[in-house]
C-alpha atoms as a PDB file:
ATOM      1  CA  UNK A   1      -1.707  18.724 -16.015  1.00  0.00           C
ATOM      2  CA  UNK A   2      -2.865  20.006 -12.431  1.00  0.00           C
ATOM      3  CA  UNK A   3      -1.498  18.575  -9.705  1.00  0.00           C
ATOM      4  CA  UNK A   4      -3.441  17.515  -6.107  1.00  0.00           C
ATOM      5  CA  UNK A   5      -2.008  17.907  -2.979  1.00  0.00           C
ATOM      6  CA  UNK A   6      -0.996  14.572  -1.141  1.00  0.00           C
ATOM      7  CA  UNK A   7      -3.816  13.170   0.903  1.00  0.00           C
ATOM      8  CA  UNK A   8      -3.197  11.812   4.787  1.00  0.00           C
ATOM      9  CA  UNK A   9      -1.772   8.216   3.098  1.00  0.00           C
ATOM     10  CA  UNK A  10       0.811   9.459   0.909  1.00  0.00           C
ATOM     11  CA  UNK A  11       1.936  12.137   3.378  1.00  0.00           C
ATOM     12  CA  UNK A  12       2.507   9.000   6.066  1.00  0.00           C
ATOM     13  CA  UNK A  13       4.459   6.701   3.134  1.00  0.00           C
ATOM     14  CA  UNK A  14       6.633   9.514   2.076  1.00  0.00           C
ATOM     15  CA  UNK A  15       7.574   9.757   5.948  1.00  0.00           C
ATOM     16  CA  UNK A  16       8.007   6.184   6.129  1.00  0.00           C
ATOM     17  CA  UNK A  17      10.022   5.890   2.946  1.00  0.00           C
ATOM     18  CA  UNK A  18      12.383   8.312   4.560  1.00  0.00           C
ATOM     19  CA  UNK A  19      13.501   6.311   7.315  1.00  0.00           C
ATOM     20  CA  UNK A  20      14.750   3.842   4.121  1.00  0.00           C
ATOM     21  CA  UNK A  21      18.556   4.120   4.483  1.00  0.00           C
ATOM     22  CA  UNK A  22      19.300   1.224   2.137  1.00  0.00           C
ATOM     23  CA  UNK A  23      18.095  -0.775  -0.548  1.00  0.00           C
ATOM     24  CA  UNK A  24      17.199  -3.665   2.197  1.00  0.00           C
ATOM     25  CA  UNK A  25      14.673  -1.329   4.196  1.00  0.00           C
ATOM     26  CA  UNK A  26      13.176  -0.030   0.907  1.00  0.00           C
ATOM     27  CA  UNK A  27      12.818  -3.994  -0.055  1.00  0.00           C
ATOM     28  CA  UNK A  28      10.944  -4.741   3.057  1.00  0.00           C
ATOM     29  CA  UNK A  29       8.901  -1.845   3.141  1.00  0.00           C
ATOM     30  CA  UNK A  30       7.753  -2.527  -0.333  1.00  0.00           C
ATOM     31  CA  UNK A  31       7.132  -6.529   0.404  1.00  0.00           C
ATOM     32  CA  UNK A  32       5.130  -4.990   3.651  1.00  0.00           C
ATOM     33  CA  UNK A  33       3.005  -2.885   1.238  1.00  0.00           C
ATOM     34  CA  UNK A  34       2.577  -5.433  -1.286  1.00  0.00           C
ATOM     35  CA  UNK A  35       1.227  -8.075   0.852  1.00  0.00           C
ATOM     36  CA  UNK A  36      -0.830  -5.702   2.683  1.00  0.00           C
ATOM     37  CA  UNK A  37      -3.017  -4.792  -0.492  1.00  0.00           C
ATOM     38  CA  UNK A  38      -2.923  -8.133  -1.484  1.00  0.00           C
ATOM     39  CA  UNK A  39      -4.557  -9.266   1.410  1.00  0.00           C
ATOM     40  CA  UNK A  40      -6.970  -6.614   0.944  1.00  0.00           C
ATOM     41  CA  UNK A  41      -7.858  -7.732  -2.684  1.00  0.00           C
ATOM     42  CA  UNK A  42      -8.212 -11.241  -1.580  1.00  0.00           C
ATOM     43  CA  UNK A  43     -10.670 -10.128   1.067  1.00  0.00           C
ATOM     44  CA  UNK A  44     -12.511  -8.033  -1.303  1.00  0.00           C
ATOM     45  CA  UNK A  45     -12.787 -10.694  -3.476  1.00  0.00           C
ATOM     46  CA  UNK A  46     -13.977 -13.180  -0.954  1.00  0.00           C
ATOM     47  CA  UNK A  47     -16.897 -11.047  -0.029  1.00  0.00           C
ATOM     48  CA  UNK A  48     -17.891 -10.687  -3.833  1.00  0.00           C
ATOM     49  CA  UNK A  49     -17.720 -14.961  -4.089  1.00  0.00           C
ATOM     50  CA  UNK A  50     -19.673 -14.929  -1.177  1.00  0.00           C
ATOM     51  CA  UNK A  51     -22.389 -12.875  -2.268  1.00  0.00           C
ATOM     52  CA  UNK A  52     -22.256 -14.419  -5.872  1.00  0.00           C
ATOM     53  CA  UNK A  53     -20.630 -11.698  -7.897  1.00  0.00           C
END
């Protein structure tokens, strides 16, 4: 399997995770990312609904 180079977002996330020195910090980062992507999905679903798709 060919590996691809990391994109800028992936590199940034790796840098941020390097600051997580304990499980609590890791959990906070995980929750923040989960909330962010949940909001994006909700926004995209609302857009589709408004467009009648």
